[in-house]
Amino acid sequence: MTGDFELIEPEEAEGFGDEWEEIDVSDTEADRIARKRDRKFNEFRKRIKDADQFKVEQSVFDDATFAAIYKLVQDGYIEAFGGPISTGKEANVYEALGEDEEDVAVKIYRINASNFRQMRSYLEGDPRFRGIGNDKGKIVLAWVRKEYANLERAQKAGVRVPNPIAVERNVLVMELVGLVEDRARRLSEVDVENPETAYEVVREYMRRLHGAGLIHGDLSEYNLIVHEGELVVIDLGQAVTVHHPNAEEFLRRDCTNVANFFARQGADADADELYEYVTSVDDDEE
């Protein structure tokens, strides 16, 4: 891996404050389509269920999930599906063809996610999800919308993340970083030729996220990938606001994980110093 990383510049926009738009987890157009189940939707549902890449998912994709995919196809965000990129307990990610024949990633969360209680722990205390309750479906829907909102906010802050494209119910469409045949590598999988440079980029990304009111919450060499000479931060579903009751604990953990990895690579990295850097504010930023 080369050391020629360049930080992208934040878009010119109003600064971030404590404004947090409440995220709506009420019924979407996909739920209404699923309830109506007209002929076109039923035909689409059967076609998707018969597709090889979805056959194993019939037991976990409910009608509203198929309706969410249907709505995204109708709106032009998905033109055709490819194969699965990854499968997990919470979600599957598929390669797809999007608008203007652009390759996109489609992340489909299972409503019956096995660890929704852990999801809830990241949502509690987030000002965007007051009163989310214990409804498993609403918790998963909130998680997906949170991931989309976090990607938008991180991108606006100048952090290189997959570009969020669309969200419908429990389905998220975003930029496909790397191709399936030539996938982007996690930082844990590459030979870091210039760890000092890579560390500078990562700590600046952490600082920008914090300045935008976000903490990744699970940052490590496994959630950083290398793509075309850039470091890309992924998996922002669990990212919390700085107002979260466990925000400091999560940030300290991120700092420890990142500093320990780069120290092993030979960089001058220390968790406490990283924490101070991430949470510091320059005079001109005030």
Protein backbone atom coordinates (compact mmCIF):
# COMPACT_ATOMS: atom_id res chain seq x y z
CA MET A 1 0.00 0.00 0.00
CA THR A 2 1.41 3.37 -0.91
CA GLY A 3 1.58 6.26 1.50
CA ASP A 4 0.23 8.88 -0.91
CA PHE A 5 -3.02 9.59 0.88
CA GLU A 6 -4.72 12.93 0.46
CA LEU A 7 -7.47 14.22 2.68
CA ILE A 8 -10.57 15.37 0.87
CA GLU A 9 -11.80 18.85 1.67
CA PRO A 10 -15.10 19.28 3.47
CA GLU A 11 -17.83 20.74 1.28
CA GLU A 12 -18.54 24.40 1.87
CA ALA A 13 -21.56 24.37 4.09
CA GLU A 14 -22.85 25.80 7.31
CA GLY A 15 -21.08 24.49 10.35
CA PHE A 16 -22.50 21.70 12.48
CA GLY A 17 -24.26 22.49 15.68
CA ASP A 18 -26.57 20.60 17.97
CA GLU A 19 -29.29 20.41 15.34
CA TRP A 20 -30.34 16.81 14.85
CA GLU A 21 -33.25 16.04 12.62
CA GLU A 22 -35.49 13.44 14.21
CA ILE A 23 -35.56 10.32 12.06
CA ASP A 24 -38.99 9.01 11.18
CA VAL A 25 -39.49 5.24 11.50
CA SER A 26 -43.19 5.20 10.66
CA ASP A 27 -44.59 3.28 7.70
CA THR A 28 -43.00 4.04 4.34
CA GLU A 29 -44.26 3.74 0.79
CA ALA A 30 -42.83 0.21 0.82
CA ASP A 31 -45.17 -0.79 3.65
CA ARG A 32 -48.14 0.56 1.70
CA ILE A 33 -47.04 -1.34 -1.43
CA ALA A 34 -46.69 -4.54 0.60
CA ARG A 35 -50.18 -4.15 2.05
CA LYS A 36 -51.73 -3.41 -1.34
CA ARG A 37 -49.90 -6.26 -3.13
CA ASP A 38 -51.14 -5.42 -6.61
CA ARG A 39 -50.40 -7.51 -9.67
CA LYS A 40 -47.19 -5.69 -10.64
CA PHE A 41 -45.73 -6.03 -7.16
CA ASN A 42 -46.66 -9.72 -6.95
CA GLU A 43 -44.97 -10.35 -10.29
CA PHE A 44 -41.86 -8.49 -9.15
CA ARG A 45 -41.83 -10.33 -5.82
CA LYS A 46 -42.01 -13.72 -7.54
CA ARG A 47 -39.22 -12.75 -9.96
CA ILE A 48 -36.95 -11.67 -7.10
CA LYS A 49 -37.74 -14.71 -4.96
CA ASP A 50 -36.92 -16.99 -7.90
CA ALA A 51 -33.56 -15.32 -8.49
CA ASP A 52 -30.65 -17.52 -7.41
CA GLN A 53 -29.04 -14.89 -5.19
CA PHE A 54 -32.24 -14.47 -3.14
CA LYS A 55 -33.50 -18.04 -2.80
CA VAL A 56 -31.73 -18.64 0.48
CA GLU A 57 -33.26 -15.47 1.90
CA GLN A 58 -36.93 -16.31 1.42
CA SER A 59 -37.33 -17.15 5.09
CA VAL A 60 -35.99 -13.80 6.30
CA PHE A 61 -37.07 -11.27 3.64
CA ASP A 62 -40.67 -10.31 4.37
CA ASP A 63 -43.10 -8.76 1.88
CA ALA A 64 -42.22 -5.25 3.00
CA THR A 65 -38.54 -5.93 2.25
CA PHE A 66 -39.43 -7.03 -1.28
CA ALA A 67 -41.62 -3.92 -1.51
CA ALA A 68 -38.67 -1.73 -0.46
CA ILE A 69 -36.56 -3.24 -3.25
CA TYR A 70 -39.49 -2.79 -5.65
CA LYS A 71 -39.79 0.91 -4.71
CA LEU A 72 -36.05 1.49 -5.19
CA VAL A 73 -36.25 -0.16 -8.62
CA GLN A 74 -39.27 2.01 -9.50
CA ASP A 75 -37.38 5.13 -8.45
CA GLY A 76 -34.40 4.22 -10.65
CA TYR A 77 -31.86 3.57 -7.89
CA ILE A 78 -31.54 -0.12 -8.83
CA GLU A 79 -31.55 -1.37 -12.41
CA ALA A 80 -30.36 -4.96 -11.94
CA PHE A 81 -29.00 -7.16 -9.18
CA GLY A 82 -25.70 -9.01 -9.18
CA GLY A 83 -24.47 -11.51 -6.66
CA PRO A 84 -23.95 -11.18 -2.91
CA ILE A 85 -20.84 -9.35 -1.72
CA SER A 86 -21.18 -10.39 1.90
CA THR A 87 -23.65 -12.15 4.16
CA GLY A 88 -24.05 -11.69 7.88
CA LYS A 89 -26.40 -12.11 10.82
CA GLU A 90 -27.72 -8.56 10.49
CA ALA A 91 -27.60 -7.88 6.76
CA ASN A 92 -26.59 -9.05 3.32
CA VAL A 93 -24.82 -6.79 0.83
CA TYR A 94 -25.37 -7.25 -2.91
CA GLU A 95 -23.70 -5.81 -5.96
CA ALA A 96 -26.19 -4.05 -8.23
CA LEU A 97 -26.39 -1.79 -11.24
CA GLY A 98 -27.66 1.63 -10.35
CA GLU A 99 -28.53 4.83 -12.12
CA ASP A 100 -26.41 5.63 -15.20
CA GLU A 101 -25.05 2.05 -15.12
CA GLU A 102 -23.08 2.81 -11.99
CA ASP A 103 -22.12 -0.12 -9.76
CA VAL A 104 -23.74 0.23 -6.34
CA ALA A 105 -23.95 -1.78 -3.14
CA VAL A 106 -27.37 -2.72 -1.78
CA LYS A 107 -27.39 -3.51 1.94
CA ILE A 108 -30.50 -5.36 3.06
CA TYR A 109 -31.04 -5.64 6.81
CA ARG A 110 -33.04 -8.49 8.25
CA ILE A 111 -36.01 -7.30 10.27
CA ASN A 112 -35.53 -10.36 12.50
CA ALA A 113 -31.93 -9.38 13.23
CA SER A 114 -30.55 -11.56 16.00
CA ASN A 115 -28.78 -8.78 17.89
CA PHE A 116 -31.41 -6.04 17.79
CA ARG A 117 -30.85 -5.54 21.54
CA GLN A 118 -27.29 -4.47 20.79
CA MET A 119 -28.66 -2.17 18.08
CA ARG A 120 -31.00 -0.64 20.64
CA SER A 121 -28.09 0.12 22.98
CA TYR A 122 -26.54 2.32 20.27
CA LEU A 123 -29.87 4.05 19.58
CA GLU A 124 -30.73 4.86 23.19
CA GLY A 125 -29.50 8.31 24.08
CA ASP A 126 -29.29 9.42 20.44
CA PRO A 127 -31.41 12.59 20.11
CA ARG A 128 -32.63 11.42 16.71
CA PHE A 129 -34.42 8.40 18.15
CA ARG A 130 -36.35 9.54 21.18
CA GLY A 131 -39.05 7.10 22.19
CA ILE A 132 -37.96 4.29 19.87
CA GLY A 133 -39.22 1.70 22.36
CA ASN A 134 -38.70 -2.05 22.11
CA ASP A 135 -40.33 -2.73 18.75
CA LYS A 136 -37.83 -4.96 16.91
CA GLY A 137 -38.96 -3.80 13.47
CA LYS A 138 -38.71 -0.11 14.36
CA ILE A 139 -35.28 -0.63 15.90
CA VAL A 140 -33.94 -2.19 12.69
CA LEU A 141 -35.57 0.50 10.53
CA ALA A 142 -34.08 3.18 12.77
CA TRP A 143 -30.66 1.54 12.46
CA VAL A 144 -30.77 1.64 8.66
CA ARG A 145 -31.88 5.28 8.57
CA LYS A 146 -29.20 6.10 11.13
CA GLU A 147 -26.54 4.54 8.92
CA TYR A 148 -27.72 6.62 5.96
CA ALA A 149 -27.81 9.82 8.05
CA ASN A 150 -24.37 9.10 9.51
CA LEU A 151 -22.88 8.58 6.05
CA GLU A 152 -24.36 11.88 4.88
CA ARG A 153 -23.05 13.77 7.89
CA ALA A 154 -19.59 12.19 7.69
CA GLN A 155 -19.34 12.96 3.98
CA LYS A 156 -20.33 16.57 4.57
CA ALA A 157 -17.57 16.80 7.19
CA GLY A 158 -14.95 15.73 4.64
CA VAL A 159 -14.57 12.11 5.72
CA ARG A 160 -14.19 9.62 2.87
CA VAL A 161 -17.07 7.18 3.26
CA PRO A 162 -19.20 5.27 0.74
CA ASN A 163 -21.54 7.78 -0.88
CA PRO A 164 -25.09 7.20 0.44
CA ILE A 165 -27.55 7.08 -2.46
CA ALA A 166 -30.98 6.05 -1.18
CA VAL A 167 -32.75 4.38 1.71
CA GLU A 168 -36.13 2.70 1.80
CA ARG A 169 -37.31 0.89 4.90
CA ASN A 170 -34.62 -1.74 5.68
CA VAL A 171 -32.71 -1.37 2.38
CA LEU A 172 -29.74 0.98 1.91
CA VAL A 173 -28.20 1.81 -1.47
CA MET A 174 -24.69 3.26 -1.46
CA GLU A 175 -21.55 3.56 -3.49
CA LEU A 176 -19.80 0.28 -4.20
CA VAL A 177 -16.22 0.90 -3.09
CA GLY A 178 -14.18 -1.45 -5.25
CA LEU A 179 -15.53 -4.23 -7.44
CA VAL A 180 -16.48 -7.70 -6.31
CA GLU A 181 -13.75 -9.25 -8.47
CA ASP A 182 -11.18 -6.70 -7.30
CA ARG A 183 -12.53 -5.70 -3.93
CA ALA A 184 -11.09 -2.95 -1.79
CA ARG A 185 -8.89 -4.35 0.97
CA ARG A 186 -9.37 -3.75 4.67
CA LEU A 187 -6.46 -2.02 6.33
CA SER A 188 -5.86 -5.21 8.30
CA GLU A 189 -5.20 -7.07 5.03
CA VAL A 190 -2.58 -4.81 3.44
CA ASP A 191 1.08 -4.05 3.95
CA VAL A 192 1.11 -0.50 5.32
CA GLU A 193 4.18 0.98 3.64
CA ASN A 194 3.86 4.39 5.29
CA PRO A 195 2.03 3.93 8.61
CA GLU A 196 2.72 7.52 9.76
CA THR A 197 0.90 8.97 6.74
CA ALA A 198 -2.00 6.56 7.06
CA TYR A 199 -2.28 7.30 10.78
CA GLU A 200 -2.38 11.05 10.11
CA VAL A 201 -5.30 10.55 7.73
CA VAL A 202 -7.25 8.32 10.11
CA ARG A 203 -6.83 10.59 13.10
CA GLU A 204 -7.91 13.58 11.02
CA TYR A 205 -11.00 11.65 9.92
CA MET A 206 -11.78 10.88 13.55
CA ARG A 207 -11.38 14.55 14.42
CA ARG A 208 -13.66 15.61 11.57
CA LEU A 209 -16.28 13.08 12.63
CA HIS A 210 -16.14 14.38 16.19
CA GLY A 211 -16.39 17.95 14.94
CA ALA A 212 -19.54 16.91 13.08
CA GLY A 213 -20.97 15.49 16.29
CA LEU A 214 -20.31 11.82 15.53
CA ILE A 215 -18.25 9.01 17.04
CA HIS A 216 -17.75 5.87 14.94
CA GLY A 217 -18.04 3.53 17.92
CA ASP A 218 -16.38 0.52 16.27
CA LEU A 219 -13.38 1.95 14.46
CA SER A 220 -10.40 -0.31 13.84
CA GLU A 221 -8.27 -1.67 11.01
CA TYR A 222 -11.29 -3.83 10.09
CA ASN A 223 -13.55 -0.84 9.35
CA LEU A 224 -11.02 1.06 7.25
CA ILE A 225 -10.48 0.04 3.64
CA VAL A 226 -8.01 1.09 0.97
CA HIS A 227 -9.43 2.02 -2.43
CA GLU A 228 -7.52 3.72 -5.25
CA GLY A 229 -5.04 5.30 -2.87
CA GLU A 230 -7.68 6.50 -0.43
CA LEU A 231 -8.57 5.36 3.06
CA VAL A 232 -12.32 4.87 3.32
CA VAL A 233 -14.25 4.62 6.59
CA ILE A 234 -17.04 2.01 6.48
CA ASP A 235 -19.73 0.52 8.73
CA LEU A 236 -21.18 3.68 10.25
CA GLY A 237 -24.43 2.04 11.30
CA GLN A 238 -23.46 2.03 14.96
CA ALA A 239 -21.95 5.56 14.97
CA VAL A 240 -23.44 7.66 17.76
CA THR A 241 -23.72 11.38 18.43
CA VAL A 242 -21.47 13.06 20.96
CA HIS A 243 -24.57 13.38 23.16
CA HIS A 244 -24.88 9.61 23.58
CA PRO A 245 -24.40 8.54 27.24
CA ASN A 246 -21.61 6.15 26.18
CA ALA A 247 -19.99 8.53 23.70
CA GLU A 248 -16.75 8.96 25.63
CA GLU A 249 -16.41 5.22 26.24
CA PHE A 250 -16.90 4.52 22.53
CA LEU A 251 -14.42 7.22 21.51
CA ARG A 252 -11.81 5.98 23.98
CA ARG A 253 -12.23 2.48 22.55
CA ASP A 254 -11.86 3.76 18.99
CA CYS A 255 -8.70 5.64 19.96
CA THR A 256 -7.24 2.54 21.61
CA ASN A 257 -7.99 0.31 18.62
CA VAL A 258 -6.59 2.76 16.07
CA ALA A 259 -3.50 3.73 18.07
CA ASN A 260 -2.63 0.12 18.91
CA PHE A 261 -2.87 -0.95 15.26
CA PHE A 262 -0.67 1.84 13.95
CA ALA A 263 1.81 1.44 16.80
CA ARG A 264 2.22 -2.18 15.74
CA GLN A 265 2.91 -0.91 12.22
CA GLY A 266 5.70 1.32 13.53
CA ALA A 267 3.91 4.67 13.75
CA ASP A 268 4.27 7.00 16.72
CA ALA A 269 0.71 6.44 17.96
CA ASP A 270 -0.68 6.73 21.48
CA ALA A 271 -4.34 6.31 22.48
CA ASP A 272 -4.41 9.18 25.00
CA GLU A 273 -2.71 11.59 22.60
CA LEU A 274 -5.10 10.54 19.84
CA TYR A 275 -8.07 11.22 22.12
CA GLU A 276 -6.75 14.69 22.90
CA TYR A 277 -6.23 15.41 19.19
CA VAL A 278 -9.69 14.19 18.19
CA THR A 279 -11.47 16.23 20.85
CA SER A 280 -9.37 19.40 20.50
CA VAL A 281 -10.76 22.47 18.74
CA ASP A 282 -8.53 24.97 16.95
CA ASP A 283 -9.09 28.67 17.57
CA ASP A 284 -10.21 29.27 13.98
CA GLU A 285 -12.75 26.41 14.26
CA GLU A 286 -14.33 27.98 17.34
